[in-house]
Amino acid sequence: MPKYILTDETIDHGGVQLTRIKRVSDGALGGFIEEEENLSQEGDCWVNGNAWVFGNAQVSGNAWVFGNAQVSGNAQVYGNALVYGDARVYGNAQVFGGARVYRNARINARISEGDYIGTQELEQPKETEKPKQEPILKSRFVLIMEEMMR
């Protein structure tokens, strides 16, 4: 049995039709994908809220994309990664492991375990969107970059 199905609700994004998904197990509505290849039917991965995944982008493993986040191009989000808020992951980006991309971050890079990319004020996911995780911390890379920009 599939994990999710496509609903009849669609939106147009610059000529690309995105379709809302619905979880089969409990009927919960999810976010929007362009095609079924964007979200794996395996694992606990999910697209929720008003999030969009389109192009050749893929979400798999236990990764979640939610809020108003967008994943596009050839980007891959997998493992236990979270992309949320108004974050954008695009191009050939890879977000994996326990990485977090949040708030207004724009990522076209490889982000892995221990990397938390967002703005200084940390934002926790809403309970209704994703089960609470451990407190979000910033990686040394992000702290160094913020210090250099001051």
N, C-alpha and C. Protein backbone atom coordinates (compact mmCIF):
# COMPACT_ATOMS: atom_id res chain seq x y z
N MET A 1 0.85 -1.18 0.00
CA MET A 1 0.00 0.00 0.00
C MET A 1 0.90 1.24 0.00
N PRO A 2 0.55 2.23 -0.79
CA PRO A 2 1.36 3.45 -0.83
C PRO A 2 1.23 4.25 0.47
N LYS A 3 2.25 5.04 0.74
CA LYS A 3 2.27 5.91 1.92
C LYS A 3 1.36 7.12 1.72
N TYR A 4 1.34 7.63 0.49
CA TYR A 4 0.54 8.82 0.18
C TYR A 4 -0.07 8.68 -1.21
N ILE A 5 -1.08 9.51 -1.45
CA ILE A 5 -1.68 9.61 -2.78
C ILE A 5 -1.73 11.08 -3.17
N LEU A 6 -1.91 11.33 -4.45
CA LEU A 6 -2.08 12.69 -4.95
C LEU A 6 -3.55 13.06 -4.86
N THR A 7 -3.83 14.28 -4.43
CA THR A 7 -5.22 14.76 -4.34
C THR A 7 -5.58 15.49 -5.64
N ASP A 8 -6.76 16.04 -5.67
CA ASP A 8 -7.20 16.84 -6.82
C ASP A 8 -6.78 18.30 -6.68
N GLU A 9 -6.25 18.69 -5.52
CA GLU A 9 -5.86 20.09 -5.29
C GLU A 9 -4.51 20.37 -5.94
N THR A 10 -4.50 21.36 -6.83
CA THR A 10 -3.27 21.72 -7.52
C THR A 10 -3.03 23.23 -7.44
N ILE A 11 -1.78 23.61 -7.60
CA ILE A 11 -1.41 25.01 -7.73
C ILE A 11 -0.43 25.13 -8.90
N ASP A 12 -0.38 26.30 -9.48
CA ASP A 12 0.53 26.55 -10.59
C ASP A 12 1.70 27.40 -10.09
N HIS A 13 2.89 26.94 -10.37
CA HIS A 13 4.11 27.68 -9.99
C HIS A 13 4.92 27.91 -11.25
N GLY A 14 4.72 29.06 -11.86
CA GLY A 14 5.46 29.41 -13.08
C GLY A 14 5.29 28.39 -14.20
N GLY A 15 4.09 27.89 -14.38
CA GLY A 15 3.84 26.93 -15.44
C GLY A 15 4.05 25.48 -15.00
N VAL A 16 4.48 25.27 -13.77
CA VAL A 16 4.66 23.92 -13.24
C VAL A 16 3.48 23.62 -12.33
N GLN A 17 2.79 22.52 -12.58
CA GLN A 17 1.65 22.14 -11.75
C GLN A 17 2.13 21.30 -10.58
N LEU A 18 1.80 21.76 -9.37
CA LEU A 18 2.12 21.04 -8.15
C LEU A 18 0.82 20.50 -7.56
N THR A 19 0.88 19.29 -7.02
CA THR A 19 -0.31 18.63 -6.50
C THR A 19 -0.14 18.32 -5.02
N ARG A 20 -1.18 18.61 -4.24
CA ARG A 20 -1.14 18.32 -2.80
C ARG A 20 -1.19 16.80 -2.60
N ILE A 21 -0.47 16.34 -1.57
CA ILE A 21 -0.46 14.92 -1.23
C ILE A 21 -1.34 14.67 0.00
N LYS A 22 -1.72 13.40 0.16
CA LYS A 22 -2.54 12.99 1.30
C LYS A 22 -2.00 11.66 1.81
N ARG A 23 -1.73 11.60 3.13
CA ARG A 23 -1.22 10.37 3.73
C ARG A 23 -2.34 9.34 3.80
N VAL A 24 -2.07 8.14 3.34
CA VAL A 24 -3.08 7.09 3.29
C VAL A 24 -3.46 6.60 4.68
N SER A 25 -2.50 6.48 5.58
CA SER A 25 -2.76 5.88 6.89
C SER A 25 -3.76 6.64 7.74
N ASP A 26 -3.76 7.98 7.67
CA ASP A 26 -4.67 8.75 8.51
C ASP A 26 -5.42 9.85 7.77
N GLY A 27 -5.20 9.97 6.47
CA GLY A 27 -5.90 10.98 5.68
C GLY A 27 -5.38 12.39 5.82
N ALA A 28 -4.26 12.57 6.52
CA ALA A 28 -3.70 13.91 6.72
C ALA A 28 -3.20 14.48 5.40
N LEU A 29 -3.54 15.74 5.16
CA LEU A 29 -3.05 16.41 3.96
C LEU A 29 -1.60 16.83 4.16
N GLY A 30 -0.83 16.74 3.12
CA GLY A 30 0.56 17.16 3.15
C GLY A 30 0.76 18.40 2.30
N GLY A 31 2.00 18.59 1.88
CA GLY A 31 2.35 19.71 1.02
C GLY A 31 2.14 19.38 -0.45
N PHE A 32 2.94 20.01 -1.31
CA PHE A 32 2.77 19.89 -2.74
C PHE A 32 4.01 19.32 -3.41
N ILE A 33 3.80 18.42 -4.36
CA ILE A 33 4.89 17.87 -5.16
C ILE A 33 4.51 17.97 -6.64
N GLU A 34 5.53 17.97 -7.48
CA GLU A 34 5.26 18.01 -8.92
C GLU A 34 4.93 16.61 -9.44
N GLU A 35 5.67 15.61 -8.98
CA GLU A 35 5.44 14.24 -9.41
C GLU A 35 5.83 13.29 -8.28
N GLU A 36 5.36 12.07 -8.39
CA GLU A 36 5.58 11.11 -7.30
C GLU A 36 7.06 10.82 -7.04
N GLU A 37 7.91 11.02 -8.02
CA GLU A 37 9.35 10.81 -7.83
C GLU A 37 9.96 11.82 -6.86
N ASN A 38 9.25 12.91 -6.58
CA ASN A 38 9.76 13.93 -5.66
C ASN A 38 9.76 13.48 -4.20
N LEU A 39 8.89 12.54 -3.84
CA LEU A 39 8.77 12.08 -2.46
C LEU A 39 8.70 10.57 -2.43
N SER A 40 9.66 9.96 -1.75
CA SER A 40 9.72 8.50 -1.67
C SER A 40 8.49 7.95 -0.95
N GLN A 41 8.05 6.79 -1.39
CA GLN A 41 6.97 6.07 -0.71
C GLN A 41 7.54 5.25 0.45
N GLU A 42 8.86 5.20 0.58
CA GLU A 42 9.53 4.45 1.64
C GLU A 42 9.90 5.37 2.79
N GLY A 43 10.15 4.80 3.97
CA GLY A 43 10.61 5.57 5.12
C GLY A 43 9.53 6.49 5.67
N ASP A 44 9.95 7.40 6.54
CA ASP A 44 9.02 8.34 7.18
C ASP A 44 9.14 9.74 6.59
N CYS A 45 9.75 9.88 5.44
CA CYS A 45 9.89 11.21 4.83
C CYS A 45 8.50 11.77 4.54
N TRP A 46 8.44 13.13 4.55
CA TRP A 46 7.13 13.77 4.34
C TRP A 46 7.32 15.20 3.88
N VAL A 47 6.36 15.68 3.12
CA VAL A 47 6.25 17.08 2.72
C VAL A 47 4.95 17.56 3.33
N ASN A 48 4.99 18.64 4.11
CA ASN A 48 3.83 19.04 4.88
C ASN A 48 3.54 20.53 4.71
N GLY A 49 2.37 20.94 5.20
CA GLY A 49 2.00 22.35 5.18
C GLY A 49 1.90 22.89 3.76
N ASN A 50 2.52 24.05 3.54
CA ASN A 50 2.54 24.67 2.21
C ASN A 50 3.87 24.46 1.51
N ALA A 51 4.63 23.47 1.94
CA ALA A 51 5.94 23.19 1.32
C ALA A 51 5.76 22.63 -0.08
N TRP A 52 6.75 22.92 -0.93
CA TRP A 52 6.75 22.46 -2.32
C TRP A 52 8.03 21.70 -2.59
N VAL A 53 7.91 20.61 -3.35
CA VAL A 53 9.07 19.88 -3.87
C VAL A 53 8.79 19.66 -5.35
N PHE A 54 9.72 20.13 -6.20
CA PHE A 54 9.46 20.05 -7.64
C PHE A 54 10.75 19.95 -8.43
N GLY A 55 10.60 19.86 -9.75
CA GLY A 55 11.76 19.61 -10.61
C GLY A 55 12.21 18.18 -10.42
N ASN A 56 13.51 17.95 -10.40
CA ASN A 56 14.04 16.61 -10.15
C ASN A 56 14.39 16.39 -8.69
N ALA A 57 13.96 17.30 -7.83
CA ALA A 57 14.28 17.21 -6.40
C ALA A 57 13.67 15.96 -5.79
N GLN A 58 14.35 15.44 -4.76
CA GLN A 58 13.88 14.22 -4.09
C GLN A 58 13.98 14.36 -2.58
N VAL A 59 12.95 13.88 -1.90
CA VAL A 59 12.93 13.80 -0.44
C VAL A 59 12.76 12.32 -0.10
N SER A 60 13.65 11.81 0.77
CA SER A 60 13.61 10.39 1.09
C SER A 60 14.11 10.13 2.50
N GLY A 61 14.15 8.85 2.88
CA GLY A 61 14.59 8.47 4.22
C GLY A 61 13.57 8.91 5.25
N ASN A 62 14.02 9.63 6.26
CA ASN A 62 13.14 10.17 7.30
C ASN A 62 13.09 11.69 7.25
N ALA A 63 13.49 12.27 6.14
CA ALA A 63 13.56 13.73 6.00
C ALA A 63 12.16 14.34 5.91
N TRP A 64 12.04 15.57 6.42
CA TRP A 64 10.80 16.33 6.35
C TRP A 64 11.06 17.69 5.71
N VAL A 65 10.11 18.12 4.87
CA VAL A 65 10.11 19.47 4.30
C VAL A 65 8.74 20.03 4.68
N PHE A 66 8.72 21.19 5.35
CA PHE A 66 7.44 21.70 5.82
C PHE A 66 7.47 23.21 5.99
N GLY A 67 6.34 23.76 6.47
CA GLY A 67 6.19 25.21 6.52
C GLY A 67 5.95 25.72 5.12
N ASN A 68 6.72 26.75 4.73
CA ASN A 68 6.65 27.28 3.36
C ASN A 68 7.92 26.97 2.59
N ALA A 69 8.65 25.96 3.01
CA ALA A 69 9.93 25.61 2.38
C ALA A 69 9.73 25.10 0.97
N GLN A 70 10.78 25.26 0.15
CA GLN A 70 10.77 24.75 -1.22
C GLN A 70 12.06 24.02 -1.51
N VAL A 71 11.93 22.87 -2.16
CA VAL A 71 13.08 22.08 -2.61
C VAL A 71 12.90 21.88 -4.10
N SER A 72 13.93 22.24 -4.89
CA SER A 72 13.77 22.22 -6.34
C SER A 72 15.07 21.86 -7.03
N GLY A 73 15.03 21.89 -8.36
CA GLY A 73 16.20 21.54 -9.16
C GLY A 73 16.51 20.07 -9.01
N ASN A 74 17.78 19.75 -8.78
CA ASN A 74 18.22 18.38 -8.57
C ASN A 74 18.52 18.13 -7.09
N ALA A 75 18.01 18.96 -6.22
CA ALA A 75 18.32 18.88 -4.79
C ALA A 75 17.82 17.57 -4.19
N GLN A 76 18.55 17.12 -3.17
CA GLN A 76 18.18 15.91 -2.45
C GLN A 76 18.15 16.22 -0.95
N VAL A 77 17.06 15.83 -0.30
CA VAL A 77 16.92 15.96 1.14
C VAL A 77 16.65 14.56 1.66
N TYR A 78 17.53 14.06 2.54
CA TYR A 78 17.38 12.67 2.97
C TYR A 78 17.97 12.45 4.35
N GLY A 79 17.93 11.20 4.80
CA GLY A 79 18.37 10.91 6.17
C GLY A 79 17.33 11.45 7.13
N ASN A 80 17.79 12.14 8.17
CA ASN A 80 16.89 12.75 9.15
C ASN A 80 16.86 14.27 9.01
N ALA A 81 17.14 14.77 7.84
CA ALA A 81 17.22 16.21 7.60
C ALA A 81 15.84 16.87 7.70
N LEU A 82 15.85 18.15 8.08
CA LEU A 82 14.65 18.97 8.12
C LEU A 82 14.89 20.24 7.31
N VAL A 83 13.94 20.59 6.45
CA VAL A 83 13.95 21.86 5.73
C VAL A 83 12.60 22.50 6.03
N TYR A 84 12.62 23.72 6.61
CA TYR A 84 11.36 24.30 7.04
C TYR A 84 11.44 25.82 7.11
N GLY A 85 10.32 26.41 7.52
CA GLY A 85 10.22 27.87 7.50
C GLY A 85 10.04 28.33 6.06
N ASP A 86 10.79 29.35 5.68
CA ASP A 86 10.76 29.85 4.30
C ASP A 86 12.04 29.47 3.56
N ALA A 87 12.70 28.41 3.98
CA ALA A 87 13.97 27.98 3.39
C ALA A 87 13.79 27.52 1.95
N ARG A 88 14.86 27.68 1.17
CA ARG A 88 14.90 27.21 -0.22
C ARG A 88 16.15 26.36 -0.40
N VAL A 89 15.97 25.15 -0.89
CA VAL A 89 17.07 24.25 -1.20
C VAL A 89 16.94 23.96 -2.69
N TYR A 90 18.00 24.20 -3.46
CA TYR A 90 17.87 24.17 -4.91
C TYR A 90 19.16 23.73 -5.58
N GLY A 91 19.14 23.71 -6.91
CA GLY A 91 20.33 23.32 -7.67
C GLY A 91 20.68 21.87 -7.39
N ASN A 92 21.95 21.61 -7.15
CA ASN A 92 22.42 20.26 -6.85
C ASN A 92 22.66 20.06 -5.36
N ALA A 93 21.97 20.82 -4.53
CA ALA A 93 22.16 20.75 -3.09
C ALA A 93 21.84 19.37 -2.54
N GLN A 94 22.53 19.03 -1.47
CA GLN A 94 22.25 17.81 -0.71
C GLN A 94 22.15 18.20 0.76
N VAL A 95 21.02 17.89 1.37
CA VAL A 95 20.81 18.15 2.80
C VAL A 95 20.51 16.78 3.40
N PHE A 96 21.36 16.33 4.34
CA PHE A 96 21.20 14.96 4.81
C PHE A 96 21.69 14.80 6.24
N GLY A 97 21.59 13.56 6.74
CA GLY A 97 21.94 13.30 8.13
C GLY A 97 20.94 14.01 9.01
N GLY A 98 21.41 14.68 10.02
CA GLY A 98 20.55 15.45 10.90
C GLY A 98 20.58 16.93 10.61
N ALA A 99 20.95 17.32 9.40
CA ALA A 99 21.07 18.74 9.05
C ALA A 99 19.71 19.43 9.11
N ARG A 100 19.74 20.74 9.38
CA ARG A 100 18.54 21.57 9.42
C ARG A 100 18.78 22.80 8.56
N VAL A 101 17.84 23.09 7.69
CA VAL A 101 17.85 24.32 6.90
C VAL A 101 16.51 24.99 7.20
N TYR A 102 16.54 26.22 7.69
CA TYR A 102 15.32 26.82 8.20
C TYR A 102 15.30 28.33 8.00
N ARG A 103 14.18 28.92 8.41
CA ARG A 103 13.90 30.35 8.27
C ARG A 103 14.04 30.77 6.81
N ASN A 104 14.85 31.76 6.50
CA ASN A 104 14.96 32.28 5.13
C ASN A 104 16.22 31.80 4.42
N ALA A 105 16.82 30.73 4.88
CA ALA A 105 18.08 30.24 4.29
C ALA A 105 17.88 29.85 2.83
N ARG A 106 18.90 30.11 2.03
CA ARG A 106 18.94 29.71 0.63
C ARG A 106 20.17 28.84 0.45
N ILE A 107 19.99 27.57 0.05
CA ILE A 107 21.09 26.61 0.03
C ILE A 107 21.22 25.95 -1.33
N ASN A 108 22.43 26.02 -1.88
CA ASN A 108 22.80 25.24 -3.06
C ASN A 108 24.17 24.66 -2.73
N ALA A 109 24.20 23.77 -1.74
CA ALA A 109 25.46 23.21 -1.24
C ALA A 109 25.17 21.88 -0.57
N ARG A 110 26.23 21.24 -0.11
CA ARG A 110 26.10 19.97 0.61
C ARG A 110 26.09 20.29 2.11
N ILE A 111 24.98 19.98 2.77
CA ILE A 111 24.80 20.26 4.19
C ILE A 111 24.56 18.93 4.89
N SER A 112 25.37 18.62 5.92
CA SER A 112 25.26 17.30 6.54
C SER A 112 25.09 17.38 8.05
N GLU A 113 25.17 16.22 8.69
CA GLU A 113 25.00 16.07 10.13
C GLU A 113 25.71 17.18 10.90
N GLY A 114 24.98 17.83 11.78
CA GLY A 114 25.55 18.87 12.62
C GLY A 114 25.50 20.26 12.03
N ASP A 115 25.07 20.40 10.78
CA ASP A 115 24.96 21.72 10.15
C ASP A 115 23.54 22.23 10.32
N TYR A 116 23.43 23.47 10.81
CA TYR A 116 22.15 24.11 11.02
C TYR A 116 22.23 25.48 10.37
N ILE A 117 21.53 25.64 9.26
CA ILE A 117 21.65 26.85 8.47
C ILE A 117 20.34 27.62 8.56
N GLY A 118 20.41 28.84 9.11
CA GLY A 118 19.24 29.69 9.24
C GLY A 118 19.70 31.03 9.74
N THR A 119 18.83 31.77 10.35
CA THR A 119 19.21 33.05 10.91
C THR A 119 19.52 32.89 12.39
N GLN A 120 20.03 33.93 13.02
CA GLN A 120 20.50 33.82 14.39
C GLN A 120 19.40 33.42 15.37
N GLU A 121 18.22 33.96 15.20
CA GLU A 121 17.12 33.58 16.08
C GLU A 121 16.61 32.22 15.64
N LEU A 122 16.75 31.22 16.48
CA LEU A 122 16.39 29.87 16.12
C LEU A 122 14.89 29.66 16.22
N GLU A 123 14.37 28.89 15.30
CA GLU A 123 12.94 28.64 15.22
C GLU A 123 12.71 27.15 15.39
N GLN A 124 11.83 26.78 16.29
CA GLN A 124 11.49 25.38 16.47
C GLN A 124 10.31 25.03 15.56
N PRO A 125 10.31 23.83 15.01
CA PRO A 125 9.16 23.39 14.22
C PRO A 125 7.90 23.33 15.08
N LYS A 126 6.75 23.55 14.47
CA LYS A 126 5.48 23.45 15.17
C LYS A 126 5.19 21.97 15.45
N GLU A 127 4.62 21.69 16.61
CA GLU A 127 4.34 20.31 16.98
C GLU A 127 3.44 19.62 15.97
N THR A 128 2.52 20.35 15.38
CA THR A 128 1.59 19.74 14.44
C THR A 128 2.25 19.38 13.13
N GLU A 129 3.43 19.94 12.86
CA GLU A 129 4.10 19.67 11.60
C GLU A 129 5.13 18.57 11.69
N LYS A 130 5.86 18.49 12.76
CA LYS A 130 6.91 17.48 12.92
C LYS A 130 7.13 17.26 14.40
N PRO A 131 7.26 16.02 14.82
CA PRO A 131 7.55 15.78 16.24
C PRO A 131 8.76 16.56 16.68
N LYS A 132 8.73 17.04 17.95
CA LYS A 132 9.84 17.85 18.47
C LYS A 132 11.15 17.09 18.37
N GLN A 133 12.18 17.82 18.01
CA GLN A 133 13.53 17.28 17.92
C GLN A 133 14.34 17.84 19.08
N GLU A 134 15.59 17.42 19.18
CA GLU A 134 16.48 18.00 20.17
C GLU A 134 16.66 19.49 19.85
N PRO A 135 17.06 20.32 20.80
CA PRO A 135 17.22 21.74 20.54
C PRO A 135 18.14 21.98 19.34
N ILE A 136 17.77 22.97 18.53
CA ILE A 136 18.56 23.27 17.34
C ILE A 136 19.77 24.11 17.73
N LEU A 137 20.92 23.68 17.31
CA LEU A 137 22.17 24.39 17.55
C LEU A 137 22.82 24.71 16.22
N LYS A 138 23.73 25.66 16.21
CA LYS A 138 24.42 26.02 14.98
C LYS A 138 25.74 25.30 14.88
N SER A 139 26.14 25.01 13.66
CA SER A 139 27.44 24.39 13.46
C SER A 139 28.53 25.44 13.61
N ARG A 140 29.75 24.98 13.80
CA ARG A 140 30.88 25.91 13.89
C ARG A 140 31.01 26.71 12.60
N PHE A 141 30.73 26.10 11.46
CA PHE A 141 30.81 26.79 10.17
C PHE A 141 29.90 28.01 10.15
N VAL A 142 28.65 27.84 10.58
CA VAL A 142 27.69 28.94 10.56
C VAL A 142 28.14 30.04 11.52
N LEU A 143 28.59 29.67 12.71
CA LEU A 143 29.03 30.67 13.67
C LEU A 143 30.23 31.45 13.14
N ILE A 144 31.18 30.78 12.47
CA ILE A 144 32.34 31.45 11.88
C ILE A 144 31.89 32.41 10.79
N MET A 145 30.96 31.96 9.94
CA MET A 145 30.47 32.82 8.86
C MET A 145 29.76 34.05 9.42
N GLU A 146 28.97 33.88 10.46
CA GLU A 146 28.30 35.04 11.06
C GLU A 146 29.32 36.02 11.64
N GLU A 147 30.35 35.50 12.29
CA GLU A 147 31.38 36.35 12.85
C GLU A 147 32.11 37.12 11.75
N MET A 148 32.39 36.48 10.63
CA MET A 148 33.08 37.13 9.52
C MET A 148 32.22 38.24 8.90
N MET A 149 30.92 38.08 8.96
CA MET A 149 30.02 39.06 8.33
C MET A 149 29.77 40.28 9.21
N ARG A 150 30.20 40.25 10.46
CA ARG A 150 29.99 41.39 11.37
C ARG A 150 30.93 42.51 11.07
